Amino acid sequence: LILKQLDTYETARTSIQKEIINIKAKIEKIQDLRRTNPKLLIPLP
C-alpha cells in the first residue's frame, strides 16, 4: 500500500520533471538565439 502511494507521487514527479525539462530547453533556446543574433526580434516561431 505504501509503495503504491509512493509510486503515484514518483510518477507525478516524473511528469513534472518532464515539463521542467521542456520549459528549460525552450528558455535556453530563446536565450541562445538572442546571444547569437541580438537583432532578432522574435526568437521562436
PDB file of all heavy atoms in Angstrom:
ATOM      1  N   LEU A   1       0.821  -1.211   0.000  1.00  0.00           N
ATOM      2  CA  LEU A   1       0.000   0.000   0.000  1.00  0.00           C
ATOM      3  C   LEU A   1       0.859   1.267   0.000  1.00  0.00           C
ATOM      4  O   LEU A   1       0.632   2.200  -0.780  1.00  0.00           O
ATOM      5  CB  LEU A   1      -0.929  -0.019   1.215  1.00  0.00           C
ATOM      6  CG  LEU A   1      -1.867   1.185   1.347  1.00  0.00           C
ATOM      7  CD1 LEU A   1      -2.791   1.287   0.135  1.00  0.00           C
ATOM      8  CD2 LEU A   1      -2.683   1.096   2.630  1.00  0.00           C
ATOM      9  N   ILE A   2       1.844   1.298   0.877  1.00  0.00           N
ATOM     10  CA  ILE A   2       2.701   2.494   0.951  1.00  0.00           C
ATOM     11  C   ILE A   2       3.501   2.646  -0.337  1.00  0.00           C
ATOM     12  O   ILE A   2       3.684   3.758  -0.866  1.00  0.00           O
ATOM     13  CB  ILE A   2       3.636   2.391   2.173  1.00  0.00           C
ATOM     14  CG1 ILE A   2       2.816   2.350   3.463  1.00  0.00           C
ATOM     15  CG2 ILE A   2       4.611   3.570   2.205  1.00  0.00           C
ATOM     16  CD1 ILE A   2       3.639   2.166   4.719  1.00  0.00           C
ATOM     17  N   LEU A   3       3.939   1.546  -0.867  1.00  0.00           N
ATOM     18  CA  LEU A   3       4.704   1.616  -2.107  1.00  0.00           C
ATOM     19  C   LEU A   3       3.855   2.113  -3.271  1.00  0.00           C
ATOM     20  O   LEU A   3       4.342   2.804  -4.178  1.00  0.00           O
ATOM     21  CB  LEU A   3       5.278   0.239  -2.432  1.00  0.00           C
ATOM     22  CG  LEU A   3       6.371  -0.259  -1.478  1.00  0.00           C
ATOM     23  CD1 LEU A   3       6.800  -1.659  -1.869  1.00  0.00           C
ATOM     24  CD2 LEU A   3       7.549   0.681  -1.470  1.00  0.00           C
ATOM     25  N   LYS A   4       2.576   1.756  -3.263  1.00  0.00           N
ATOM     26  CA  LYS A   4       1.684   2.244  -4.321  1.00  0.00           C
ATOM     27  C   LYS A   4       1.532   3.763  -4.260  1.00  0.00           C
ATOM     28  O   LYS A   4       1.562   4.454  -5.287  1.00  0.00           O
ATOM     29  CB  LYS A   4       0.324   1.567  -4.174  1.00  0.00           C
ATOM     30  CG  LYS A   4      -0.643   1.916  -5.297  1.00  0.00           C
ATOM     31  CD  LYS A   4      -1.947   1.156  -5.151  1.00  0.00           C
ATOM     32  CE  LYS A   4      -2.903   1.519  -6.289  1.00  0.00           C
ATOM     33  NZ  LYS A   4      -4.196   0.796  -6.178  1.00  0.00           N
ATOM     34  N   GLN A   5       1.367   4.278  -3.033  1.00  0.00           N
ATOM     35  CA  GLN A   5       1.291   5.733  -2.885  1.00  0.00           C
ATOM     36  C   GLN A   5       2.602   6.402  -3.332  1.00  0.00           C
ATOM     37  O   GLN A   5       2.598   7.437  -4.021  1.00  0.00           O
ATOM     38  CB  GLN A   5       0.999   6.088  -1.420  1.00  0.00           C
ATOM     39  CG  GLN A   5      -0.376   5.643  -0.938  1.00  0.00           C
ATOM     40  CD  GLN A   5      -0.587   5.972   0.529  1.00  0.00           C
ATOM     41  OE1 GLN A   5       0.328   6.413   1.218  1.00  0.00           O
ATOM     42  NE2 GLN A   5      -1.805   5.738   1.007  1.00  0.00           N
ATOM     43  N   LEU A   6       3.678   5.792  -2.929  1.00  0.00           N
ATOM     44  CA  LEU A   6       4.970   6.359  -3.312  1.00  0.00           C
ATOM     45  C   LEU A   6       5.141   6.342  -4.833  1.00  0.00           C
ATOM     46  O   LEU A   6       5.662   7.292  -5.426  1.00  0.00           O
ATOM     47  CB  LEU A   6       6.084   5.569  -2.633  1.00  0.00           C
ATOM     48  CG  LEU A   6       7.521   6.085  -2.866  1.00  0.00           C
ATOM     49  CD1 LEU A   6       7.668   7.504  -2.352  1.00  0.00           C
ATOM     50  CD2 LEU A   6       8.528   5.157  -2.217  1.00  0.00           C
ATOM     51  N   ASP A   7       4.688   5.260  -5.461  1.00  0.00           N
ATOM     52  CA  ASP A   7       4.784   5.179  -6.914  1.00  0.00           C
ATOM     53  C   ASP A   7       3.962   6.256  -7.598  1.00  0.00           C
ATOM     54  O   ASP A   7       4.368   6.827  -8.625  1.00  0.00           O
ATOM     55  CB  ASP A   7       4.336   3.787  -7.372  1.00  0.00           C
ATOM     56  CG  ASP A   7       4.553   3.591  -8.853  1.00  0.00           C
ATOM     57  OD1 ASP A   7       5.724   3.520  -9.276  1.00  0.00           O
ATOM     58  OD2 ASP A   7       3.559   3.534  -9.606  1.00  0.00           O
ATOM     59  N   THR A   8       2.780   6.547  -7.014  1.00  0.00           N
ATOM     60  CA  THR A   8       1.935   7.606  -7.581  1.00  0.00           C
ATOM     61  C   THR A   8       2.653   8.949  -7.545  1.00  0.00           C
ATOM     62  O   THR A   8       2.676   9.702  -8.534  1.00  0.00           O
ATOM     63  CB  THR A   8       0.615   7.709  -6.818  1.00  0.00           C
ATOM     64  OG1 THR A   8      -0.051   6.446  -6.878  1.00  0.00           O
ATOM     65  CG2 THR A   8      -0.285   8.784  -7.421  1.00  0.00           C
ATOM     66  N   TYR A   9       3.260   9.265  -6.401  1.00  0.00           N
ATOM     67  CA  TYR A   9       3.977  10.541  -6.292  1.00  0.00           C
ATOM     68  C   TYR A   9       5.237  10.556  -7.156  1.00  0.00           C
ATOM     69  O   TYR A   9       5.621  11.602  -7.701  1.00  0.00           O
ATOM     70  CB  TYR A   9       4.339  10.815  -4.826  1.00  0.00           C
ATOM     71  CG  TYR A   9       3.167  11.329  -4.024  1.00  0.00           C
ATOM     72  CD1 TYR A   9       2.476  10.508  -3.166  1.00  0.00           C
ATOM     73  CD2 TYR A   9       2.755  12.649  -4.150  1.00  0.00           C
ATOM     74  CE1 TYR A   9       1.400  10.969  -2.418  1.00  0.00           C
ATOM     75  CE2 TYR A   9       1.679  13.131  -3.416  1.00  0.00           C
ATOM     76  CZ  TYR A   9       1.002  12.282  -2.561  1.00  0.00           C
ATOM     77  OH  TYR A   9      -0.073  12.752  -1.859  1.00  0.00           O
ATOM     78  N   GLU A  10       5.880   9.402  -7.275  1.00  0.00           N
ATOM     79  CA  GLU A  10       7.049   9.347  -8.151  1.00  0.00           C
ATOM     80  C   GLU A  10       6.652   9.606  -9.603  1.00  0.00           C
ATOM     81  O   GLU A  10       7.360  10.288 -10.351  1.00  0.00           O
ATOM     82  CB  GLU A  10       7.718   7.975  -8.037  1.00  0.00           C
ATOM     83  CG  GLU A  10       8.447   7.734  -6.729  1.00  0.00           C
ATOM     84  CD  GLU A  10       9.752   8.499  -6.649  1.00  0.00           C
ATOM     85  OE1 GLU A  10      10.111   9.160  -7.636  1.00  0.00           O
ATOM     86  OE2 GLU A  10      10.403   8.451  -5.583  1.00  0.00           O
ATOM     87  N   THR A  11       5.497   9.059 -10.003  1.00  0.00           N
ATOM     88  CA  THR A  11       5.010   9.307 -11.359  1.00  0.00           C
ATOM     89  C   THR A  11       4.718  10.789 -11.569  1.00  0.00           C
ATOM     90  O   THR A  11       5.037  11.372 -12.616  1.00  0.00           O
ATOM     91  CB  THR A  11       3.743   8.479 -11.625  1.00  0.00           C
ATOM     92  OG1 THR A  11       4.032   7.094 -11.418  1.00  0.00           O
ATOM     93  CG2 THR A  11       3.257   8.680 -13.053  1.00  0.00           C
ATOM     94  N   ALA A  12       4.088  11.389 -10.557  1.00  0.00           N
ATOM     95  CA  ALA A  12       3.806  12.824 -10.647  1.00  0.00           C
ATOM     96  C   ALA A  12       5.100  13.635 -10.740  1.00  0.00           C
ATOM     97  O   ALA A  12       5.205  14.589 -11.506  1.00  0.00           O
ATOM     98  CB  ALA A  12       2.990  13.277  -9.440  1.00  0.00           C
ATOM     99  N   ARG A  13       6.094  13.219  -9.958  1.00  0.00           N
ATOM    100  CA  ARG A  13       7.372  13.932 -10.007  1.00  0.00           C
ATOM    101  C   ARG A  13       8.027  13.782 -11.375  1.00  0.00           C
ATOM    102  O   ARG A  13       8.627  14.729 -11.904  1.00  0.00           O
ATOM    103  CB  ARG A  13       8.294  13.410  -8.913  1.00  0.00           C
ATOM    104  CG  ARG A  13       9.637  14.149  -8.846  1.00  0.00           C
ATOM    105  CD  ARG A  13      10.454  13.739  -7.660  1.00  0.00           C
ATOM    106  NE  ARG A  13      10.817  12.329  -7.740  1.00  0.00           N
ATOM    107  CZ  ARG A  13      11.582  11.715  -6.819  1.00  0.00           C
ATOM    108  NH1 ARG A  13      12.011  12.393  -5.773  1.00  0.00           N
ATOM    109  NH2 ARG A  13      11.870  10.433  -6.948  1.00  0.00           N
ATOM    110  N   THR A  14       7.916  12.586 -11.961  1.00  0.00           N
ATOM    111  CA  THR A  14       8.474  12.375 -13.307  1.00  0.00           C
ATOM    112  C   THR A  14       7.787  13.270 -14.332  1.00  0.00           C
ATOM    113  O   THR A  14       8.431  13.862 -15.206  1.00  0.00           O
ATOM    114  CB  THR A  14       8.322  10.907 -13.711  1.00  0.00           C
ATOM    115  OG1 THR A  14       9.001  10.086 -12.748  1.00  0.00           O
ATOM    116  CG2 THR A  14       8.930  10.667 -15.095  1.00  0.00           C
ATOM    117  N   SER A  15       6.455  13.372 -14.223  1.00  0.00           N
ATOM    118  CA  SER A  15       5.715  14.231 -15.146  1.00  0.00           C
ATOM    119  C   SER A  15       6.136  15.689 -14.994  1.00  0.00           C
ATOM    120  O   SER A  15       6.336  16.407 -15.983  1.00  0.00           O
ATOM    121  CB  SER A  15       4.212  14.083 -14.899  1.00  0.00           C
ATOM    122  OG  SER A  15       3.487  14.948 -15.731  1.00  0.00           O
ATOM    123  N   ILE A  16       6.283  16.107 -13.758  1.00  0.00           N
ATOM    124  CA  ILE A  16       6.724  17.487 -13.512  1.00  0.00           C
ATOM    125  C   ILE A  16       8.145  17.685 -14.044  1.00  0.00           C
ATOM    126  O   ILE A  16       8.464  18.729 -14.636  1.00  0.00           O
ATOM    127  CB  ILE A  16       6.649  17.814 -12.008  1.00  0.00           C
ATOM    128  CG1 ILE A  16       5.193  17.780 -11.535  1.00  0.00           C
ATOM    129  CG2 ILE A  16       7.265  19.181 -11.721  1.00  0.00           C
ATOM    130  CD1 ILE A  16       5.040  17.898 -10.042  1.00  0.00           C
ATOM    131  N   GLN A  17       8.988  16.684 -13.864  1.00  0.00           N
ATOM    132  CA  GLN A  17      10.368  16.798 -14.328  1.00  0.00           C
ATOM    133  C   GLN A  17      10.417  16.940 -15.854  1.00  0.00           C
ATOM    134  O   GLN A  17      11.215  17.712 -16.402  1.00  0.00           O
ATOM    135  CB  GLN A  17      11.157  15.565 -13.881  1.00  0.00           C
ATOM    136  CG  GLN A  17      12.619  15.576 -14.302  1.00  0.00           C
ATOM    137  CD  GLN A  17      13.409  16.689 -13.621  1.00  0.00           C
ATOM    138  OE1 GLN A  17      13.064  17.104 -12.524  1.00  0.00           O
ATOM    139  NE2 GLN A  17      14.431  17.185 -14.288  1.00  0.00           N
ATOM    140  N   LYS A  18       9.524  16.200 -16.539  1.00  0.00           N
ATOM    141  CA  LYS A  18       9.484  16.306 -17.995  1.00  0.00           C
ATOM    142  C   LYS A  18       9.071  17.718 -18.422  1.00  0.00           C
ATOM    143  O   LYS A  18       9.638  18.291 -19.364  1.00  0.00           O
ATOM    144  CB  LYS A  18       8.511  15.273 -18.562  1.00  0.00           C
ATOM    145  CG  LYS A  18       9.044  13.843 -18.495  1.00  0.00           C
ATOM    146  CD  LYS A  18       8.175  12.897 -19.285  1.00  0.00           C
ATOM    147  CE  LYS A  18       6.839  12.680 -18.599  1.00  0.00           C
ATOM    148  NZ  LYS A  18       6.030  11.658 -19.301  1.00  0.00           N
ATOM    149  N   GLU A  19       8.079  18.278 -17.731  1.00  0.00           N
ATOM    150  CA  GLU A  19       7.665  19.642 -18.062  1.00  0.00           C
ATOM    151  C   GLU A  19       8.792  20.630 -17.788  1.00  0.00           C
ATOM    152  O   GLU A  19       9.016  21.570 -18.561  1.00  0.00           O
ATOM    153  CB  GLU A  19       6.425  20.020 -17.253  1.00  0.00           C
ATOM    154  CG  GLU A  19       5.173  19.243 -17.634  1.00  0.00           C
ATOM    155  CD  GLU A  19       3.931  19.771 -16.937  1.00  0.00           C
ATOM    156  OE1 GLU A  19       3.952  20.949 -16.544  1.00  0.00           O
ATOM    157  OE2 GLU A  19       2.973  19.004 -16.771  1.00  0.00           O
ATOM    158  N   ILE A  20       9.513  20.420 -16.697  1.00  0.00           N
ATOM    159  CA  ILE A  20      10.634  21.323 -16.376  1.00  0.00           C
ATOM    160  C   ILE A  20      11.708  21.225 -17.462  1.00  0.00           C
ATOM    161  O   ILE A  20      12.277  22.235 -17.894  1.00  0.00           O
ATOM    162  CB  ILE A  20      11.203  20.972 -14.981  1.00  0.00           C
ATOM    163  CG1 ILE A  20      10.196  21.353 -13.889  1.00  0.00           C
ATOM    164  CG2 ILE A  20      12.532  21.682 -14.753  1.00  0.00           C
ATOM    165  CD1 ILE A  20      10.625  20.956 -12.498  1.00  0.00           C
ATOM    166  N   ILE A  21      11.978  20.008 -17.937  1.00  0.00           N
ATOM    167  CA  ILE A  21      12.985  19.831 -18.987  1.00  0.00           C
ATOM    168  C   ILE A  21      12.562  20.561 -20.250  1.00  0.00           C
ATOM    169  O   ILE A  21      13.355  21.242 -20.914  1.00  0.00           O
ATOM    170  CB  ILE A  21      13.203  18.325 -19.255  1.00  0.00           C
ATOM    171  CG1 ILE A  21      13.932  17.686 -18.070  1.00  0.00           C
ATOM    172  CG2 ILE A  21      14.013  18.125 -20.543  1.00  0.00           C
ATOM    173  CD1 ILE A  21      14.063  16.179 -18.187  1.00  0.00           C
ATOM    174  N   ASN A  22      11.273  20.431 -20.605  1.00  0.00           N
ATOM    175  CA  ASN A  22      10.779  21.100 -21.816  1.00  0.00           C
ATOM    176  C   ASN A  22      10.893  22.617 -21.708  1.00  0.00           C
ATOM    177  O   ASN A  22      11.336  23.296 -22.634  1.00  0.00           O
ATOM    178  CB  ASN A  22       9.324  20.702 -22.071  1.00  0.00           C
ATOM    179  CG  ASN A  22       9.189  19.271 -22.558  1.00  0.00           C
ATOM    180  OD1 ASN A  22      10.131  18.728 -23.117  1.00  0.00           O
ATOM    181  ND2 ASN A  22       8.046  18.666 -22.347  1.00  0.00           N
ATOM    182  N   ILE A  23      10.472  23.156 -20.572  1.00  0.00           N
ATOM    183  CA  ILE A  23      10.498  24.617 -20.396  1.00  0.00           C
ATOM    184  C   ILE A  23      11.940  25.120 -20.363  1.00  0.00           C
ATOM    185  O   ILE A  23      12.276  26.157 -20.943  1.00  0.00           O
ATOM    186  CB  ILE A  23       9.726  25.023 -19.131  1.00  0.00           C
ATOM    187  CG1 ILE A  23       8.240  24.688 -19.303  1.00  0.00           C
ATOM    188  CG2 ILE A  23       9.899  26.504 -18.844  1.00  0.00           C
ATOM    189  CD1 ILE A  23       7.405  24.988 -18.081  1.00  0.00           C
ATOM    190  N   LYS A  24      12.832  24.382 -19.686  1.00  0.00           N
ATOM    191  CA  LYS A  24      14.233  24.801 -19.651  1.00  0.00           C
ATOM    192  C   LYS A  24      14.844  24.796 -21.046  1.00  0.00           C
ATOM    193  O   LYS A  24      15.614  25.690 -21.405  1.00  0.00           O
ATOM    194  CB  LYS A  24      15.028  23.870 -18.733  1.00  0.00           C
ATOM    195  CG  LYS A  24      14.847  24.167 -17.245  1.00  0.00           C
ATOM    196  CD  LYS A  24      15.750  23.275 -16.413  1.00  0.00           C
ATOM    197  CE  LYS A  24      15.641  23.628 -14.925  1.00  0.00           C
ATOM    198  NZ  LYS A  24      16.510  22.765 -14.082  1.00  0.00           N
ATOM    199  N   ALA A  25      14.498  23.762 -21.820  1.00  0.00           N
ATOM    200  CA  ALA A  25      15.021  23.709 -23.188  1.00  0.00           C
ATOM    201  C   ALA A  25      14.518  24.885 -24.012  1.00  0.00           C
ATOM    202  O   ALA A  25      15.255  25.478 -24.801  1.00  0.00           O
ATOM    203  CB  ALA A  25      14.601  22.388 -23.848  1.00  0.00           C
ATOM    204  N   LYS A  26      13.232  25.238 -23.819  1.00  0.00           N
ATOM    205  CA  LYS A  26      12.663  26.365 -24.544  1.00  0.00           C
ATOM    206  C   LYS A  26      13.346  27.673 -24.154  1.00  0.00           C
ATOM    207  O   LYS A  26      13.716  28.489 -25.012  1.00  0.00           O
ATOM    208  CB  LYS A  26      11.165  26.441 -24.270  1.00  0.00           C
ATOM    209  CG  LYS A  26      10.453  27.573 -24.997  1.00  0.00           C
ATOM    210  CD  LYS A  26       8.976  27.527 -24.687  1.00  0.00           C
ATOM    211  CE  LYS A  26       8.232  28.660 -25.403  1.00  0.00           C
ATOM    212  NZ  LYS A  26       6.782  28.621 -25.102  1.00  0.00           N
ATOM    213  N   ILE A  27      13.531  27.876 -22.848  1.00  0.00           N
ATOM    214  CA  ILE A  27      14.169  29.117 -22.367  1.00  0.00           C
ATOM    215  C   ILE A  27      15.615  29.180 -22.859  1.00  0.00           C
ATOM    216  O   ILE A  27      16.094  30.228 -23.302  1.00  0.00           O
ATOM    217  CB  ILE A  27      14.089  29.182 -20.830  1.00  0.00           C
ATOM    218  CG1 ILE A  27      12.623  29.344 -20.380  1.00  0.00           C
ATOM    219  CG2 ILE A  27      14.943  30.335 -20.301  1.00  0.00           C
ATOM    220  CD1 ILE A  27      12.439  29.295 -18.890  1.00  0.00           C
ATOM    221  N   GLU A  28      16.302  28.037 -22.798  1.00  0.00           N
ATOM    222  CA  GLU A  28      17.689  28.020 -23.251  1.00  0.00           C
ATOM    223  C   GLU A  28      17.787  28.299 -24.744  1.00  0.00           C
ATOM    224  O   GLU A  28      18.699  28.971 -25.214  1.00  0.00           O
ATOM    225  CB  GLU A  28      18.325  26.680 -22.925  1.00  0.00           C
ATOM    226  CG  GLU A  28      19.826  26.636 -23.212  1.00  0.00           C
ATOM    227  CD  GLU A  28      20.457  25.366 -22.701  1.00  0.00           C
ATOM    228  OE1 GLU A  28      19.766  24.613 -22.005  1.00  0.00           O
ATOM    229  OE2 GLU A  28      21.637  25.145 -22.990  1.00  0.00           O
ATOM    230  N   LYS A  29      16.815  27.801 -25.490  1.00  0.00           N
ATOM    231  CA  LYS A  29      16.795  28.048 -26.937  1.00  0.00           C
ATOM    232  C   LYS A  29      16.616  29.535 -27.223  1.00  0.00           C
ATOM    233  O   LYS A  29      17.290  30.111 -28.077  1.00  0.00           O
ATOM    234  CB  LYS A  29      15.663  27.241 -27.573  1.00  0.00           C
ATOM    235  CG  LYS A  29      15.604  27.358 -29.093  1.00  0.00           C
ATOM    236  CD  LYS A  29      14.494  26.478 -29.634  1.00  0.00           C
ATOM    237  CE  LYS A  29      14.425  26.561 -31.150  1.00  0.00           C
ATOM    238  NZ  LYS A  29      13.335  25.731 -31.698  1.00  0.00           N
ATOM    239  N   ILE A  30      15.678  30.181 -26.506  1.00  0.00           N
ATOM    240  CA  ILE A  30      15.443  31.623 -26.696  1.00  0.00           C
ATOM    241  C   ILE A  30      16.695  32.420 -26.341  1.00  0.00           C
ATOM    242  O   ILE A  30      17.128  33.304 -27.080  1.00  0.00           O
ATOM    243  CB  ILE A  30      14.248  32.084 -25.845  1.00  0.00           C
ATOM    244  CG1 ILE A  30      12.950  31.427 -26.350  1.00  0.00           C
ATOM    245  CG2 ILE A  30      14.109  33.608 -25.869  1.00  0.00           C
ATOM    246  CD1 ILE A  30      11.752  31.715 -25.486  1.00  0.00           C
ATOM    247  N   GLN A  31      17.308  32.087 -25.200  1.00  0.00           N
ATOM    248  CA  GLN A  31      18.493  32.831 -24.777  1.00  0.00           C
ATOM    249  C   GLN A  31      19.660  32.611 -25.732  1.00  0.00           C
ATOM    250  O   GLN A  31      20.429  33.531 -26.005  1.00  0.00           O
ATOM    251  CB  GLN A  31      18.869  32.396 -23.356  1.00  0.00           C
ATOM    252  CG  GLN A  31      17.833  32.819 -22.308  1.00  0.00           C
ATOM    253  CD  GLN A  31      18.147  32.250 -20.927  1.00  0.00           C
ATOM    254  OE1 GLN A  31      18.974  31.345 -20.778  1.00  0.00           O
ATOM    255  NE2 GLN A  31      17.504  32.793 -19.903  1.00  0.00           N
ATOM    256  N   ASP A  32      19.801  31.405 -26.274  1.00  0.00           N
ATOM    257  CA  ASP A  32      20.875  31.123 -27.220  1.00  0.00           C
ATOM    258  C   ASP A  32      20.676  31.914 -28.504  1.00  0.00           C
ATOM    259  O   ASP A  32      21.626  32.480 -29.049  1.00  0.00           O
ATOM    260  CB  ASP A  32      20.909  29.628 -27.519  1.00  0.00           C
ATOM    261  CG  ASP A  32      22.044  29.284 -28.479  1.00  0.00           C
ATOM    262  OD1 ASP A  32      23.202  29.390 -28.065  1.00  0.00           O
ATOM    263  OD2 ASP A  32      21.752  28.952 -29.638  1.00  0.00           O
ATOM    264  N   LEU A  33      19.431  31.969 -29.004  1.00  0.00           N
ATOM    265  CA  LEU A  33      19.157  32.751 -30.204  1.00  0.00           C
ATOM    266  C   LEU A  33      19.410  34.231 -29.972  1.00  0.00           C
ATOM    267  O   LEU A  33      19.892  34.941 -30.855  1.00  0.00           O
ATOM    268  CB  LEU A  33      17.705  32.526 -30.653  1.00  0.00           C
ATOM    269  CG  LEU A  33      17.406  31.143 -31.264  1.00  0.00           C
ATOM    270  CD1 LEU A  33      15.917  30.987 -31.507  1.00  0.00           C
ATOM    271  CD2 LEU A  33      18.177  30.946 -32.545  1.00  0.00           C
ATOM    272  N   ARG A  34      19.074  34.720 -28.797  1.00  0.00           N
ATOM    273  CA  ARG A  34      19.318  36.149 -28.502  1.00  0.00           C
ATOM    274  C   ARG A  34      20.803  36.448 -28.412  1.00  0.00           C
ATOM    275  O   ARG A  34      21.244  37.526 -28.784  1.00  0.00           O
ATOM    276  CB  ARG A  34      18.621  36.531 -27.196  1.00  0.00           C
ATOM    277  CG  ARG A  34      17.110  36.712 -27.356  1.00  0.00           C
ATOM    278  CD  ARG A  34      16.525  37.311 -26.105  1.00  0.00           C
ATOM    279  NE  ARG A  34      15.205  37.866 -26.367  1.00  0.00           N
ATOM    280  CZ  ARG A  34      14.500  38.543 -25.461  1.00  0.00           C
ATOM    281  NH1 ARG A  34      15.000  38.743 -24.262  1.00  0.00           N
ATOM    282  NH2 ARG A  34      13.330  39.024 -25.768  1.00  0.00           N
ATOM    283  N   ARG A  35      21.581  35.474 -27.909  1.00  0.00           N
ATOM    284  CA  ARG A  35      23.027  35.718 -27.837  1.00  0.00           C
ATOM    285  C   ARG A  35      23.666  35.707 -29.214  1.00  0.00           C
ATOM    286  O   ARG A  35      24.521  36.532 -29.513  1.00  0.00           O
ATOM    287  CB  ARG A  35      23.694  34.656 -26.949  1.00  0.00           C
ATOM    288  CG  ARG A  35      23.501  34.864 -25.462  1.00  0.00           C
ATOM    289  CD  ARG A  35      24.438  33.977 -24.667  1.00  0.00           C
ATOM    290  NE  ARG A  35      24.210  32.567 -24.924  1.00  0.00           N
ATOM    291  CZ  ARG A  35      23.371  31.816 -24.243  1.00  0.00           C
ATOM    292  NH1 ARG A  35      22.685  32.320 -23.233  1.00  0.00           N
ATOM    293  NH2 ARG A  35      23.202  30.540 -24.545  1.00  0.00           N
ATOM    294  N   THR A  36      23.257  34.761 -30.052  1.00  0.00           N
ATOM    295  CA  THR A  36      23.851  34.664 -31.381  1.00  0.00           C
ATOM    296  C   THR A  36      23.369  35.754 -32.321  1.00  0.00           C
ATOM    297  O   THR A  36      24.094  36.149 -33.227  1.00  0.00           O
ATOM    298  CB  THR A  36      23.537  33.288 -32.001  1.00  0.00           C
ATOM    299  OG1 THR A  36      22.107  33.108 -32.024  1.00  0.00           O
ATOM    300  CG2 THR A  36      24.179  32.184 -31.181  1.00  0.00           C
ATOM    301  N   ASN A  37      22.162  36.236 -32.104  1.00  0.00           N
ATOM    302  CA  ASN A  37      21.603  37.272 -33.003  1.00  0.00           C
ATOM    303  C   ASN A  37      20.823  38.287 -32.170  1.00  0.00           C
ATOM    304  O   ASN A  37      19.608  38.174 -32.029  1.00  0.00           O
ATOM    305  CB  ASN A  37      20.700  36.641 -34.056  1.00  0.00           C
ATOM    306  CG  ASN A  37      20.293  37.632 -35.123  1.00  0.00           C
ATOM    307  OD1 ASN A  37      20.782  38.773 -35.152  1.00  0.00           O
ATOM    308  ND2 ASN A  37      19.410  37.232 -36.010  1.00  0.00           N
ATOM    309  N   PRO A  38      21.522  39.271 -31.570  1.00  0.00           N
ATOM    310  CA  PRO A  38      20.824  40.241 -30.706  1.00  0.00           C
ATOM    311  C   PRO A  38      19.756  41.037 -31.440  1.00  0.00           C
ATOM    312  O   PRO A  38      18.840  41.553 -30.809  1.00  0.00           O
ATOM    313  CB  PRO A  38      21.971  41.150 -30.238  1.00  0.00           C
ATOM    314  CG  PRO A  38      23.218  40.371 -30.449  1.00  0.00           C
ATOM    315  CD  PRO A  38      22.960  39.508 -31.633  1.00  0.00           C
ATOM    316  N   LYS A  39      19.857  41.164 -32.776  1.00  0.00           N
ATOM    317  CA  LYS A  39      18.879  41.959 -33.523  1.00  0.00           C
ATOM    318  C   LYS A  39      17.595  41.187 -33.828  1.00  0.00           C
ATOM    319  O   LYS A  39      16.649  41.754 -34.340  1.00  0.00           O
ATOM    320  CB  LYS A  39      19.494  42.446 -34.841  1.00  0.00           C
ATOM    321  CG  LYS A  39      20.665  43.405 -34.641  1.00  0.00           C
ATOM    322  CD  LYS A  39      21.166  43.900 -35.980  1.00  0.00           C
ATOM    323  CE  LYS A  39      22.320  44.885 -35.817  1.00  0.00           C
ATOM    324  NZ  LYS A  39      22.803  45.374 -37.121  1.00  0.00           N
ATOM    325  N   LEU A  40      17.583  39.891 -33.508  1.00  0.00           N
ATOM    326  CA  LEU A  40      16.400  39.075 -33.796  1.00  0.00           C
ATOM    327  C   LEU A  40      15.268  39.468 -32.860  1.00  0.00           C
ATOM    328  O   LEU A  40      15.412  39.425 -31.639  1.00  0.00           O
ATOM    329  CB  LEU A  40      16.739  37.594 -33.620  1.00  0.00           C
ATOM    330  CG  LEU A  40      15.654  36.591 -33.993  1.00  0.00           C
ATOM    331  CD1 LEU A  40      15.322  36.698 -35.477  1.00  0.00           C
ATOM    332  CD2 LEU A  40      16.094  35.180 -33.646  1.00  0.00           C
ATOM    333  N   LEU A  41      14.140  39.875 -33.434  1.00  0.00           N
ATOM    334  CA  LEU A  41      13.009  40.337 -32.622  1.00  0.00           C
ATOM    335  C   LEU A  41      12.243  39.165 -32.016  1.00  0.00           C
ATOM    336  O   LEU A  41      11.935  39.161 -30.825  1.00  0.00           O
ATOM    337  CB  LEU A  41      12.060  41.193 -33.471  1.00  0.00           C
ATOM    338  CG  LEU A  41      12.603  42.540 -33.936  1.00  0.00           C
ATOM    339  CD1 LEU A  41      11.580  43.254 -34.795  1.00  0.00           C
ATOM    340  CD2 LEU A  41      12.987  43.404 -32.756  1.00  0.00           C
ATOM    341  N   ILE A  42      11.912  38.165 -32.835  1.00  0.00           N
ATOM    342  CA  ILE A  42      11.075  37.053 -32.385  1.00  0.00           C
ATOM    343  C   ILE A  42      11.926  35.791 -32.465  1.00  0.00           C
ATOM    344  O   ILE A  42      12.135  35.237 -33.534  1.00  0.00           O
ATOM    345  CB  ILE A  42       9.813  36.928 -33.259  1.00  0.00           C
ATOM    346  CG1 ILE A  42       9.052  38.258 -33.246  1.00  0.00           C
ATOM    347  CG2 ILE A  42       8.929  35.800 -32.756  1.00  0.00           C
ATOM    348  CD1 ILE A  42       7.868  38.278 -34.177  1.00  0.00           C
ATOM    349  N   PRO A  43      12.476  35.307 -31.326  1.00  0.00           N
ATOM    350  CA  PRO A  43      13.414  34.194 -31.364  1.00  0.00           C
ATOM    351  C   PRO A  43      12.801  32.859 -31.731  1.00  0.00           C
ATOM    352  O   PRO A  43      13.483  31.999 -32.252  1.00  0.00           O
ATOM    353  CB  PRO A  43      13.979  34.187 -29.938  1.00  0.00           C
ATOM    354  CG  PRO A  43      12.951  34.848 -29.103  1.00  0.00           C
ATOM    355  CD  PRO A  43      12.288  35.859 -29.973  1.00  0.00           C
ATOM    356  N   LEU A  44      11.517  32.636 -31.436  1.00  0.00           N
ATOM    357  CA  LEU A  44      10.890  31.346 -31.717  1.00  0.00           C
ATOM    358  C   LEU A  44       9.630  31.536 -32.535  1.00  0.00           C
ATOM    359  O   LEU A  44       8.879  32.492 -32.316  1.00  0.00           O
ATOM    360  CB  LEU A  44      10.544  30.623 -30.403  1.00  0.00           C
ATOM    361  CG  LEU A  44      11.716  30.022 -29.619  1.00  0.00           C
ATOM    362  CD1 LEU A  44      11.212  29.365 -28.356  1.00  0.00           C
ATOM    363  CD2 LEU A  44      12.484  29.027 -30.454  1.00  0.00           C
ATOM    364  N   PRO A  45       9.342  30.610 -33.467  1.00  0.00           N
ATOM    365  CA  PRO A  45       8.111  30.732 -34.259  1.00  0.00           C
ATOM    366  C   PRO A  45       6.862  30.702 -33.401  1.00  0.00           C
ATOM    367  O   PRO A  45       5.888  31.375 -33.702  1.00  0.00           O
ATOM    368  CB  PRO A  45       8.198  29.527 -35.210  1.00  0.00           C
ATOM    369  CG  PRO A  45       9.647  29.197 -35.297  1.00  0.00           C
ATOM    370  CD  PRO A  45      10.208  29.517 -33.952  1.00  0.00           C
TER     371      PRO A  45
END
